[in-house]
Structures are given as structure tokens and as C-alpha cells.
């Protein structure tokens, strides 16, 4: 919408207004780019904190498995409500078991 104001200012030859509007547009685009860059960095930091491996009990034995291979029925060691699992779902609540 502010672009329309810049065009109108140019058409009616209000050069002072046009300069102010263009400066605001440049400032706005710079701030937007910086925020997008910071958001991308935050997403990368969150990805780095995801659990890539999990300790799961299958066939009555504990196995260190890739987190993407977890299936319904796997019992995980040290799982808390804040833990990340591939599809974000837990089966039958928060089951906490520890390997012997």
C-alpha cells in the first residue's frame, strides 16, 4: 500500500513526500530481511536440538535406533513431554522406562 503512496507522490510531484516514503520502504525491507535471517538461524538451532537417535525397547531388548524409525509400540527410555518424536505424537501417554 505504501508503494501506491510513492507512485501518487511522484505523479503529483511531491518530491519531499516521495523521498520520505522511499526511505521508509528501504528501511522496512531491510528490517524484514534481517528478521527473516534471524528466523532462519533460530530454525537451524532448533533442528540441531532435535533427538536424532532414541533408546527404544523392541522384543524385550533395548536398542539405539534412528529416531525416524520409531513405530507405534516402541517404548522409549527417558521420554518426557518435551521430547521430540518424528510426527510429534506419543502413543498412550508419557511412558517412562529405564533400561536395566
N, C-alpha and C. Protein backbone atom coordinates (compact mmCIF):
# COMPACT_ATOMS: atom_id res chain seq x y z
N UNK A 1 0.81 -1.18 0.00
CA UNK A 1 0.00 0.00 0.00
C UNK A 1 0.86 1.26 0.00
N UNK A 2 1.99 1.17 0.70
CA UNK A 2 2.87 2.34 0.74
C UNK A 2 3.50 2.60 -0.63
N UNK A 3 3.58 1.56 -1.44
CA UNK A 3 4.10 1.72 -2.80
C UNK A 3 3.17 2.62 -3.62
N UNK A 4 1.85 2.46 -3.39
CA UNK A 4 0.87 3.30 -4.08
C UNK A 4 1.06 4.76 -3.67
N UNK A 5 1.33 4.98 -2.40
CA UNK A 5 1.57 6.35 -1.93
C UNK A 5 2.80 6.94 -2.60
N UNK A 6 3.83 6.12 -2.81
CA UNK A 6 5.03 6.60 -3.51
C UNK A 6 4.70 6.98 -4.95
N UNK A 7 3.90 6.16 -5.62
CA UNK A 7 3.53 6.45 -7.01
C UNK A 7 2.70 7.73 -7.08
N UNK A 8 1.73 7.87 -6.17
CA UNK A 8 0.90 9.07 -6.17
C UNK A 8 1.75 10.31 -5.89
N UNK A 9 2.67 10.21 -4.96
CA UNK A 9 3.56 11.34 -4.66
C UNK A 9 4.39 11.72 -5.88
N UNK A 10 4.84 10.75 -6.64
CA UNK A 10 5.62 11.03 -7.84
C UNK A 10 4.74 11.67 -8.92
N UNK A 11 3.50 11.18 -9.06
CA UNK A 11 2.60 11.71 -10.09
C UNK A 11 2.24 13.17 -9.80
N UNK A 12 1.98 13.48 -8.54
CA UNK A 12 1.60 14.85 -8.20
C UNK A 12 2.83 15.72 -7.89
N UNK A 13 4.00 15.17 -8.07
CA UNK A 13 5.28 15.87 -7.93
C UNK A 13 5.52 16.45 -6.53
N UNK A 14 5.17 15.64 -5.53
CA UNK A 14 5.52 15.98 -4.15
C UNK A 14 6.82 15.23 -3.83
N UNK A 15 7.93 15.80 -4.22
CA UNK A 15 9.21 15.11 -4.15
C UNK A 15 9.66 14.84 -2.71
N UNK A 16 9.37 15.77 -1.81
CA UNK A 16 9.74 15.56 -0.41
C UNK A 16 9.02 14.33 0.16
N UNK A 17 7.73 14.24 -0.12
CA UNK A 17 6.96 13.09 0.34
C UNK A 17 7.47 11.80 -0.29
N UNK A 18 7.81 11.86 -1.58
CA UNK A 18 8.32 10.67 -2.27
C UNK A 18 9.61 10.18 -1.63
N UNK A 19 10.51 11.09 -1.31
CA UNK A 19 11.78 10.70 -0.69
C UNK A 19 11.54 10.06 0.67
N UNK A 20 10.66 10.64 1.47
CA UNK A 20 10.36 10.08 2.80
C UNK A 20 9.76 8.68 2.65
N UNK A 21 8.83 8.52 1.73
CA UNK A 21 8.19 7.22 1.51
C UNK A 21 9.22 6.19 1.04
N UNK A 22 10.10 6.57 0.12
CA UNK A 22 11.12 5.63 -0.37
C UNK A 22 12.10 5.23 0.73
N UNK A 23 12.46 6.20 1.59
CA UNK A 23 13.34 5.87 2.72
C UNK A 23 12.66 4.88 3.66
N UNK A 24 11.38 5.10 3.93
CA UNK A 24 10.63 4.17 4.78
C UNK A 24 10.53 2.78 4.14
N UNK A 25 10.33 2.73 2.84
CA UNK A 25 10.28 1.44 2.14
C UNK A 25 11.60 0.70 2.26
N UNK A 26 12.70 1.41 2.08
CA UNK A 26 14.02 0.78 2.18
C UNK A 26 14.28 0.29 3.61
N UNK A 27 13.91 1.12 4.59
CA UNK A 27 14.08 0.72 5.99
C UNK A 27 13.25 -0.52 6.29
N UNK A 28 12.01 -0.53 5.84
CA UNK A 28 11.11 -1.67 6.07
C UNK A 28 11.65 -2.94 5.44
N UNK A 29 12.16 -2.85 4.22
CA UNK A 29 12.68 -4.05 3.57
C UNK A 29 13.96 -4.54 4.24
N UNK A 30 14.78 -3.63 4.75
CA UNK A 30 15.99 -4.03 5.46
C UNK A 30 15.65 -4.75 6.75
N UNK A 31 14.72 -4.20 7.51
CA UNK A 31 14.30 -4.84 8.75
C UNK A 31 13.68 -6.21 8.47
N UNK A 32 12.88 -6.31 7.43
CA UNK A 32 12.28 -7.60 7.06
C UNK A 32 13.32 -8.64 6.72
N UNK A 33 14.35 -8.25 5.97
CA UNK A 33 15.41 -9.20 5.62
C UNK A 33 16.18 -9.66 6.86
N UNK A 34 16.47 -8.73 7.77
CA UNK A 34 17.17 -9.09 9.00
C UNK A 34 16.34 -10.04 9.86
N UNK A 35 15.05 -9.79 9.97
CA UNK A 35 14.19 -10.67 10.75
C UNK A 35 14.09 -12.05 10.12
N UNK A 36 14.03 -12.11 8.80
CA UNK A 36 13.96 -13.40 8.13
C UNK A 36 15.25 -14.19 8.35
N UNK A 37 16.37 -13.51 8.31
CA UNK A 37 17.66 -14.17 8.55
C UNK A 37 17.74 -14.71 9.98
N UNK A 38 17.30 -13.91 10.95
CA UNK A 38 17.30 -14.36 12.34
C UNK A 38 16.35 -15.53 12.55
N UNK A 39 15.22 -15.52 11.88
CA UNK A 39 14.27 -16.63 12.00
C UNK A 39 14.86 -17.90 11.41
N UNK A 40 15.57 -17.79 10.30
CA UNK A 40 16.21 -18.97 9.70
C UNK A 40 17.27 -19.52 10.63
N UNK A 41 18.03 -18.65 11.29
CA UNK A 41 19.03 -19.11 12.26
C UNK A 41 18.38 -19.82 13.44
N UNK A 42 17.24 -19.30 13.89
CA UNK A 42 16.52 -19.92 15.00
C UNK A 42 16.01 -21.31 14.62
N UNK A 43 15.51 -21.45 13.41
CA UNK A 43 15.03 -22.76 12.94
C UNK A 43 16.19 -23.75 12.88
N UNK A 44 17.33 -23.33 12.39
CA UNK A 44 18.50 -24.21 12.33
C UNK A 44 18.94 -24.63 13.73
N UNK A 45 18.90 -23.70 14.69
CA UNK A 45 19.27 -24.03 16.07
C UNK A 45 18.30 -25.05 16.66
N UNK A 46 17.01 -24.90 16.37
CA UNK A 46 16.03 -25.87 16.86
C UNK A 46 16.23 -27.23 16.23
N UNK A 47 16.54 -27.26 14.95
CA UNK A 47 16.80 -28.54 14.28
C UNK A 47 17.99 -29.25 14.90
N UNK A 48 18.98 -28.48 15.32
CA UNK A 48 20.16 -29.07 15.94
C UNK A 48 19.87 -29.70 17.28
N UNK A 49 18.77 -29.28 17.94
CA UNK A 49 18.42 -29.82 19.24
C UNK A 49 17.48 -31.02 19.16
N UNK A 50 16.99 -31.35 18.00
CA UNK A 50 16.09 -32.49 17.88
C UNK A 50 16.83 -33.79 18.16
N UNK A 51 16.12 -34.71 18.73
CA UNK A 51 16.72 -36.02 19.02
C UNK A 51 16.83 -36.81 17.71
N UNK A 52 18.05 -37.12 17.32
CA UNK A 52 18.26 -37.90 16.10
C UNK A 52 18.28 -39.40 16.37
N UNK A 53 18.60 -39.76 17.61
CA UNK A 53 18.65 -41.17 17.99
C UNK A 53 17.76 -41.35 19.21
N UNK A 54 17.30 -42.55 19.43
CA UNK A 54 16.44 -42.84 20.58
C UNK A 54 16.79 -44.21 21.12
N UNK A 55 16.62 -44.36 22.41
CA UNK A 55 16.80 -45.66 23.06
C UNK A 55 15.42 -46.28 23.19
N UNK A 56 15.17 -47.32 22.39
CA UNK A 56 13.84 -47.93 22.33
C UNK A 56 13.91 -49.41 22.70
N UNK A 57 12.85 -49.88 23.35
CA UNK A 57 12.78 -51.31 23.70
C UNK A 57 11.91 -52.00 22.67
N UNK A 58 12.55 -52.95 21.98
CA UNK A 58 11.85 -53.78 20.98
C UNK A 58 12.21 -55.23 21.28
N UNK A 59 11.22 -56.08 21.25
CA UNK A 59 11.44 -57.51 21.51
C UNK A 59 12.16 -57.74 22.82
N UNK A 60 11.73 -56.99 23.85
CA UNK A 60 12.25 -57.12 25.21
C UNK A 60 13.73 -56.77 25.34
N UNK A 61 14.31 -56.08 24.34
CA UNK A 61 15.71 -55.63 24.42
C UNK A 61 15.77 -54.16 24.07
N UNK A 62 16.76 -53.46 24.66
CA UNK A 62 16.96 -52.04 24.38
C UNK A 62 17.87 -51.88 23.18
N UNK A 63 17.47 -51.02 22.26
CA UNK A 63 18.24 -50.76 21.04
C UNK A 63 18.40 -49.25 20.85
N UNK A 64 19.57 -48.85 20.38
CA UNK A 64 19.79 -47.46 19.99
C UNK A 64 19.38 -47.37 18.52
N UNK A 65 18.27 -46.68 18.25
CA UNK A 65 17.72 -46.63 16.90
C UNK A 65 17.64 -45.20 16.40
N UNK A 66 17.56 -45.07 15.09
CA UNK A 66 17.35 -43.77 14.47
C UNK A 66 15.95 -43.29 14.82
N UNK A 67 15.81 -42.03 15.23
CA UNK A 67 14.52 -41.51 15.68
C UNK A 67 13.45 -41.59 14.59
N UNK A 68 13.85 -41.53 13.34
CA UNK A 68 12.85 -41.59 12.26
C UNK A 68 12.28 -42.99 12.08
N UNK A 69 12.93 -44.00 12.68
CA UNK A 69 12.44 -45.37 12.52
C UNK A 69 11.52 -45.79 13.67
N UNK A 70 11.17 -44.89 14.56
CA UNK A 70 10.27 -45.25 15.67
C UNK A 70 8.89 -45.59 15.14
N UNK A 71 8.29 -46.58 15.76
CA UNK A 71 6.94 -47.01 15.36
C UNK A 71 6.07 -47.10 16.59
N UNK A 72 4.76 -47.15 16.38
CA UNK A 72 3.83 -47.30 17.48
C UNK A 72 4.15 -48.59 18.22
N UNK A 73 4.20 -48.51 19.54
CA UNK A 73 4.50 -49.68 20.35
C UNK A 73 5.92 -49.68 20.88
N UNK A 74 6.80 -48.87 20.31
CA UNK A 74 8.15 -48.75 20.86
C UNK A 74 8.06 -48.07 22.22
N UNK A 75 8.79 -48.60 23.18
CA UNK A 75 8.89 -47.99 24.50
C UNK A 75 10.22 -47.27 24.54
N UNK A 76 10.18 -45.97 24.86
CA UNK A 76 11.38 -45.15 24.82
C UNK A 76 11.90 -44.87 26.22
N UNK A 77 13.20 -44.87 26.37
CA UNK A 77 13.82 -44.55 27.65
C UNK A 77 13.98 -43.05 27.76
N UNK A 78 13.62 -42.49 28.92
CA UNK A 78 13.84 -41.08 29.18
C UNK A 78 12.94 -40.14 28.41
N UNK A 79 11.81 -40.62 27.95
CA UNK A 79 10.91 -39.77 27.18
C UNK A 79 10.13 -38.87 28.13
N UNK A 80 10.14 -37.59 27.83
CA UNK A 80 9.37 -36.64 28.62
C UNK A 80 8.40 -35.93 27.69
N UNK A 81 7.53 -35.13 28.25
CA UNK A 81 6.53 -34.45 27.43
C UNK A 81 7.17 -33.46 26.48
N UNK A 82 8.39 -33.01 26.76
CA UNK A 82 9.06 -32.04 25.90
C UNK A 82 9.92 -32.71 24.83
N UNK A 83 9.97 -34.03 24.83
CA UNK A 83 10.81 -34.72 23.85
C UNK A 83 10.22 -34.62 22.46
N UNK A 84 11.10 -34.59 21.47
CA UNK A 84 10.65 -34.51 20.08
C UNK A 84 10.63 -35.91 19.48
N UNK A 85 9.54 -36.25 18.86
CA UNK A 85 9.42 -37.51 18.13
C UNK A 85 9.05 -37.16 16.70
N UNK A 86 9.31 -38.07 15.73
CA UNK A 86 9.19 -37.70 14.32
C UNK A 86 7.90 -37.02 13.91
N UNK A 87 6.74 -37.51 14.32
CA UNK A 87 5.50 -36.88 13.88
C UNK A 87 4.83 -36.09 14.99
N UNK A 88 5.54 -35.91 16.11
CA UNK A 88 5.03 -35.10 17.21
C UNK A 88 3.95 -35.77 18.04
N UNK A 89 3.75 -37.08 17.90
CA UNK A 89 2.70 -37.77 18.62
C UNK A 89 3.31 -38.83 19.54
N UNK A 90 2.68 -39.00 20.68
CA UNK A 90 3.06 -40.06 21.60
C UNK A 90 1.94 -41.09 21.60
N UNK A 91 2.31 -42.33 21.81
CA UNK A 91 1.27 -43.36 21.88
C UNK A 91 0.97 -43.65 23.34
N UNK A 92 -0.27 -43.56 23.71
CA UNK A 92 -0.78 -43.90 25.03
C UNK A 92 -0.05 -43.17 26.15
N UNK A 93 0.10 -41.86 26.01
CA UNK A 93 0.63 -41.04 27.09
C UNK A 93 2.13 -41.08 27.23
N UNK A 94 2.59 -40.65 28.37
CA UNK A 94 4.01 -40.49 28.66
C UNK A 94 4.50 -41.73 29.40
N UNK A 95 5.12 -42.68 28.69
CA UNK A 95 5.61 -43.90 29.31
C UNK A 95 7.11 -43.74 29.54
N UNK A 96 7.52 -43.74 30.78
CA UNK A 96 8.92 -43.58 31.11
C UNK A 96 9.46 -44.90 31.65
N UNK A 97 10.37 -45.46 30.93
CA UNK A 97 11.02 -46.68 31.41
C UNK A 97 12.51 -46.51 31.25
N UNK A 98 13.25 -47.15 32.09
CA UNK A 98 14.72 -47.08 32.05
C UNK A 98 15.26 -48.46 31.75
N UNK A 99 16.33 -48.52 30.94
CA UNK A 99 16.94 -49.83 30.70
C UNK A 99 17.62 -50.32 31.96
N UNK A 100 17.67 -51.62 32.12
CA UNK A 100 18.34 -52.22 33.30
C UNK A 100 19.83 -52.25 33.13
